[in-house]
Amino acid sequence: MAQTPPTIFARERRLAARRRALVLQRGPDAARFVPDDMIEDVLERLAFLRHEVRRALVLGDRGGELAAALAARGAQVVRADPAPGPGEQALDEEAPYPAGTVGDGFDLIASLSSLDTVNDLPGALIHVRRALAPGGLAIASFVSAGSLPVLRQVMLAADAERPAARLHPMVDVRAGAQLMQRAGFADPVADSRSISVGYRSLERLLGDLRAQGLGNVLASPAAPLGKAALARAREAFAAAADETGRVVERFEIVTLSGRRG
């Protein structure tokens, strides 16, 4: 008998965060370094593998840049998201993909910063594999374990004697590789890379997280920081600054890839 996965993330909070990020991305100085890195990586992998893409499904491509690049190469592209915006179809990653959407299967399914907040990641990867055509390629990227070490320490300092759940549990490379094997992918690969970004204020770091849909969507979130806790957080953040007055935060990106045999 299949076990029901634990509810770590709240569906409505997750959708709200994605809708908010879609609006924030319209701002002139909105942070885009995480999705931009993922899009560049997908295109580089396709060029290296010389994988021909005739029909693609792209998840989480909020600005449509990856879809446009694939379309320019002659691919038919379907854009989708759990919280769809203009030009996107609604898609629940934890349910079988609609037959009418999938057709005969996709040559490529690319998921950008989406699968890290599903409660049933093994099941979601199985749905991805089943939606591929034979020989089709899946590429899924998301922020992974090892990310935001400074923010984690800042939040611990803010909560003092009562640490609270404020940041998500995250998948590491080793677990990602095991999940791909468990989902039945052929030629599974998991690798990671890091992005380092400098900040002069805690508020800017938190703003960048919200703008990229990386905020807290836990099912049982901690209470907001009070004035005293926020003051401790700012003090801890300032203490982490280097000689230039900046705090360098790290974002680890894991990419899982595999084919349908």
Protein backbone atom coordinates (compact mmCIF):
# COMPACT_ATOMS: atom_id res chain seq x y z
CA MET A 1 0.00 0.00 0.00
CA ALA A 2 1.42 3.36 -1.07
CA GLN A 3 2.22 5.78 1.72
CA THR A 4 0.83 9.32 1.65
CA PRO A 5 3.74 11.79 1.54
CA PRO A 6 3.97 14.25 4.44
CA THR A 7 2.55 17.73 3.88
CA ILE A 8 5.62 19.94 4.11
CA PHE A 9 4.47 22.70 1.76
CA ALA A 10 1.10 24.46 1.66
CA ARG A 11 -0.47 24.38 -1.79
CA GLU A 12 -2.22 27.75 -1.48
CA ARG A 13 0.86 29.48 -0.07
CA ARG A 14 2.93 27.97 -2.87
CA LEU A 15 0.56 29.25 -5.55
CA ALA A 16 0.35 32.66 -3.90
CA ALA A 17 4.14 32.95 -3.84
CA ARG A 18 4.36 32.09 -7.53
CA ARG A 19 1.63 34.62 -8.40
CA ARG A 20 3.41 37.29 -6.37
CA ALA A 21 6.73 36.56 -8.09
CA LEU A 22 5.04 36.84 -11.49
CA VAL A 23 3.91 40.37 -10.58
CA LEU A 24 7.24 41.37 -9.01
CA GLN A 25 9.14 40.23 -12.11
CA ARG A 26 7.55 43.11 -14.00
CA GLY A 27 9.59 45.56 -11.94
CA PRO A 28 12.56 47.22 -13.67
CA ASP A 29 15.15 45.97 -11.14
CA ALA A 30 13.61 42.61 -10.21
CA ALA A 31 16.15 39.89 -9.42
CA ARG A 32 16.35 37.22 -12.12
CA PHE A 33 19.71 35.57 -11.54
CA VAL A 34 18.26 32.18 -10.55
CA PRO A 35 15.90 31.69 -13.54
CA ASP A 36 18.43 33.23 -15.93
CA ASP A 37 21.08 30.76 -14.78
CA MET A 38 18.67 27.85 -15.21
CA ILE A 39 17.61 28.91 -18.70
CA GLU A 40 21.22 29.29 -19.83
CA ASP A 41 22.06 25.89 -18.38
CA VAL A 42 19.18 24.13 -20.18
CA LEU A 43 20.21 25.59 -23.52
CA GLU A 44 23.85 24.64 -22.96
CA ARG A 45 22.90 21.06 -22.10
CA LEU A 46 20.73 20.74 -25.20
CA ALA A 47 23.57 22.03 -27.38
CA PHE A 48 26.08 19.66 -25.77
CA LEU A 49 23.81 16.63 -26.05
CA ARG A 50 22.65 17.61 -29.55
CA HIS A 51 19.16 16.64 -28.49
CA GLU A 52 16.58 17.45 -31.15
CA VAL A 53 13.50 19.06 -29.67
CA ARG A 54 10.33 19.01 -31.76
CA ARG A 55 7.82 19.26 -28.93
CA ALA A 56 8.65 20.71 -25.52
CA LEU A 57 6.89 21.35 -22.23
CA VAL A 58 8.42 24.13 -20.15
CA LEU A 59 7.44 24.60 -16.48
CA GLY A 60 8.26 27.73 -14.52
CA ASP A 61 9.51 29.78 -17.49
CA ARG A 62 7.66 32.84 -16.20
CA GLY A 63 9.12 35.32 -18.67
CA GLY A 64 8.94 32.94 -21.63
CA GLU A 65 12.63 33.27 -22.49
CA LEU A 66 13.34 29.54 -22.65
CA ALA A 67 10.18 28.90 -24.64
CA ALA A 68 11.17 31.62 -27.12
CA ALA A 69 14.67 30.17 -27.54
CA LEU A 70 13.27 26.69 -28.18
CA ALA A 71 10.65 28.04 -30.59
CA ALA A 72 13.39 29.86 -32.50
CA ARG A 73 14.98 26.43 -33.04
CA GLY A 74 11.76 25.11 -34.56
CA ALA A 75 10.22 23.45 -31.51
CA GLN A 76 6.53 23.45 -30.66
CA VAL A 77 6.46 24.67 -27.05
CA VAL A 78 3.82 24.38 -24.34
CA ARG A 79 4.33 26.66 -21.33
CA ALA A 80 2.77 25.66 -18.01
CA ASP A 81 2.89 26.51 -14.32
CA PRO A 82 1.01 25.59 -11.13
CA ALA A 83 -0.04 29.26 -10.95
CA PRO A 84 -0.35 30.08 -14.65
CA GLY A 85 0.21 33.54 -16.04
CA PRO A 86 -0.28 34.88 -19.59
CA GLY A 87 0.56 32.23 -22.19
CA GLU A 88 0.79 29.42 -19.64
CA GLN A 89 -1.41 26.41 -19.01
CA ALA A 90 -2.31 25.26 -15.51
CA LEU A 91 -0.47 22.11 -14.48
CA ASP A 92 -0.34 20.28 -11.17
CA GLU A 93 3.02 18.51 -10.97
CA GLU A 94 1.70 16.04 -8.41
CA ALA A 95 -1.04 14.71 -10.73
CA PRO A 96 -0.79 12.83 -14.04
CA TYR A 97 -0.37 15.24 -16.90
CA PRO A 98 -3.60 15.71 -18.93
CA ALA A 99 -3.67 13.46 -21.97
CA GLY A 100 -4.89 16.31 -24.13
CA THR A 101 -1.82 18.33 -23.20
CA VAL A 102 0.71 15.55 -23.51
CA GLY A 103 -0.39 14.04 -26.82
CA ASP A 104 2.20 11.53 -27.98
CA GLY A 105 4.73 12.74 -25.45
CA PHE A 106 7.30 15.51 -25.31
CA ASP A 107 10.87 15.38 -26.60
CA LEU A 108 11.83 17.72 -23.77
CA ILE A 109 10.34 18.64 -20.40
CA ALA A 110 12.21 21.43 -18.64
CA SER A 111 11.21 22.40 -15.10
CA LEU A 112 12.65 25.62 -13.69
CA SER A 113 12.52 26.22 -9.94
CA SER A 114 9.25 24.37 -9.48
CA LEU A 115 9.73 20.84 -8.19
CA ASP A 116 11.51 21.88 -4.99
CA THR A 117 8.22 22.75 -3.25
CA VAL A 118 6.05 19.75 -4.16
CA ASN A 119 5.19 17.39 -1.32
CA ASP A 120 5.59 14.25 -3.44
CA LEU A 121 8.77 14.80 -5.43
CA PRO A 122 9.22 11.10 -6.36
CA GLY A 123 5.66 11.01 -7.70
CA ALA A 124 6.14 14.30 -9.57
CA LEU A 125 9.24 12.91 -11.30
CA ILE A 126 7.31 9.81 -12.33
CA HIS A 127 4.65 12.04 -13.93
CA VAL A 128 7.41 13.87 -15.82
CA ARG A 129 8.89 10.61 -17.15
CA ARG A 130 5.51 9.32 -18.27
CA ALA A 131 4.81 12.54 -20.17
CA LEU A 132 7.97 12.13 -22.25
CA ALA A 133 8.10 10.47 -25.64
CA PRO A 134 10.43 7.44 -25.88
CA GLY A 135 13.96 8.86 -25.77
CA GLY A 136 12.63 12.18 -24.49
CA LEU A 137 14.77 14.23 -22.12
CA ALA A 138 13.80 15.76 -18.77
CA ILE A 139 15.78 18.57 -17.16
CA ALA A 140 14.70 19.85 -13.75
CA SER A 141 16.56 22.59 -11.87
CA PHE A 142 15.85 24.06 -8.45
CA VAL A 143 17.53 25.67 -5.45
CA SER A 144 19.03 22.90 -3.35
CA ALA A 145 20.71 21.97 -0.08
CA GLY A 146 23.59 24.22 0.90
CA SER A 147 21.77 27.36 -0.20
CA LEU A 148 21.39 30.50 1.92
CA PRO A 149 23.89 29.65 4.67
CA VAL A 150 24.03 33.26 5.86
CA LEU A 151 20.26 33.63 6.02
CA ARG A 152 19.98 30.41 8.00
CA GLN A 153 22.43 31.72 10.60
CA VAL A 154 20.67 35.08 10.66
CA MET A 155 17.32 33.45 11.35
CA LEU A 156 18.82 31.32 14.14
CA ALA A 157 20.21 34.47 15.74
CA ALA A 158 16.84 36.20 15.37
CA ASP A 159 14.94 33.39 17.07
CA ALA A 160 17.51 33.13 19.86
CA GLU A 161 16.51 30.36 22.31
CA ARG A 162 13.48 29.31 20.27
CA PRO A 163 14.55 28.30 16.73
CA ALA A 164 11.64 28.15 14.32
CA ALA A 165 11.06 26.65 10.87
CA ARG A 166 11.65 29.56 8.50
CA LEU A 167 13.56 28.05 5.56
CA HIS A 168 12.64 25.03 3.48
CA PRO A 169 14.19 21.59 3.73
CA MET A 170 16.11 21.10 0.49
CA VAL A 171 17.22 18.21 -1.74
CA ASP A 172 20.94 17.60 -2.20
CA VAL A 173 22.70 16.16 -5.24
CA ARG A 174 22.98 12.64 -3.89
CA ALA A 175 19.30 12.46 -2.99
CA GLY A 176 18.43 13.93 -6.39
CA ALA A 177 20.31 11.17 -8.20
CA GLN A 178 18.53 8.53 -6.11
CA LEU A 179 15.15 10.11 -6.87
CA MET A 180 15.81 9.99 -10.61
CA GLN A 181 16.70 6.30 -10.39
CA ARG A 182 13.63 5.63 -8.26
CA ALA A 183 11.43 7.38 -10.85
CA GLY A 184 12.70 5.02 -13.55
CA PHE A 185 14.71 7.41 -15.72
CA ALA A 186 17.34 6.08 -18.07
CA ASP A 187 20.80 7.69 -17.92
CA PRO A 188 19.99 9.71 -14.77
CA VAL A 189 22.37 12.54 -13.90
CA ALA A 190 22.41 14.93 -10.95
CA ASP A 191 24.87 17.79 -10.63
CA SER A 192 25.07 21.15 -8.90
CA ARG A 193 26.60 24.58 -9.20
CA SER A 194 26.54 27.70 -7.05
CA ILE A 195 25.70 31.36 -7.52
CA SER A 196 27.19 33.92 -5.12
CA VAL A 197 25.44 37.26 -4.72
CA GLY A 198 26.49 40.25 -2.62
CA TYR A 199 24.01 42.17 -0.45
CA ARG A 200 24.19 45.31 1.64
CA SER A 201 20.91 44.76 3.45
CA LEU A 202 18.83 41.89 4.75
CA GLU A 203 15.76 43.45 3.18
CA ARG A 204 17.27 43.28 -0.31
CA LEU A 205 18.10 39.61 0.13
CA LEU A 206 14.55 38.84 1.25
CA GLY A 207 13.19 40.92 -1.64
CA ASP A 208 15.24 38.92 -4.15
CA LEU A 209 13.86 35.70 -2.71
CA ARG A 210 10.26 36.90 -3.05
CA ALA A 211 10.83 38.22 -6.58
CA GLN A 212 12.09 34.81 -7.71
CA GLY A 213 9.39 32.78 -5.95
CA LEU A 214 11.82 31.44 -3.35
CA GLY A 215 10.02 32.59 -0.23
CA ASN A 216 8.66 30.45 2.60
CA VAL A 217 5.68 28.29 1.62
CA LEU A 218 5.83 25.83 4.51
CA ALA A 219 2.56 24.27 5.60
CA SER A 220 3.33 25.15 9.24
CA PRO A 221 5.23 28.43 9.05
CA ALA A 222 6.69 30.16 12.07
CA ALA A 223 5.18 33.39 13.35
CA PRO A 224 6.59 36.59 11.77
CA LEU A 225 9.62 38.12 13.46
CA GLY A 226 8.83 40.67 16.14
CA LYS A 227 10.71 43.96 16.52
CA ALA A 228 13.34 42.54 18.85
CA ALA A 229 13.90 39.45 16.67
CA LEU A 230 14.14 41.58 13.55
CA ALA A 231 16.73 43.77 15.24
CA ARG A 232 18.78 40.65 16.11
CA ALA A 233 18.47 39.49 12.50
CA ARG A 234 19.78 42.78 11.13
CA GLU A 235 22.63 42.78 13.63
CA ALA A 236 23.63 39.22 12.67
CA PHE A 237 23.43 40.11 8.98
CA ALA A 238 25.67 43.15 9.47
CA ALA A 239 28.15 41.01 11.41
CA ALA A 240 28.47 38.69 8.39
CA ALA A 241 29.59 41.51 6.08
CA ASP A 242 33.03 41.46 4.48
CA GLU A 243 35.53 44.35 4.31
CA THR A 244 33.48 46.00 1.53
CA GLY A 245 30.35 46.04 3.67
CA ARG A 246 28.64 43.33 1.65
CA VAL A 247 27.27 39.99 2.75
CA VAL A 248 27.89 37.28 0.14
CA GLU A 249 25.06 34.76 0.03
CA ARG A 250 25.19 31.47 -1.83
CA PHE A 251 22.52 29.80 -3.94
CA GLU A 252 23.13 26.15 -4.81
CA ILE A 253 21.35 24.95 -7.95
CA VAL A 254 20.83 21.24 -8.51
CA THR A 255 19.91 19.93 -11.95
CA LEU A 256 18.39 16.51 -12.48
CA SER A 257 18.28 15.05 -15.96
CA GLY A 258 17.32 11.75 -17.52
CA ARG A 259 15.58 10.11 -20.43
CA ARG A 260 12.56 7.97 -20.91
CA GLY A 261 13.78 4.62 -22.14
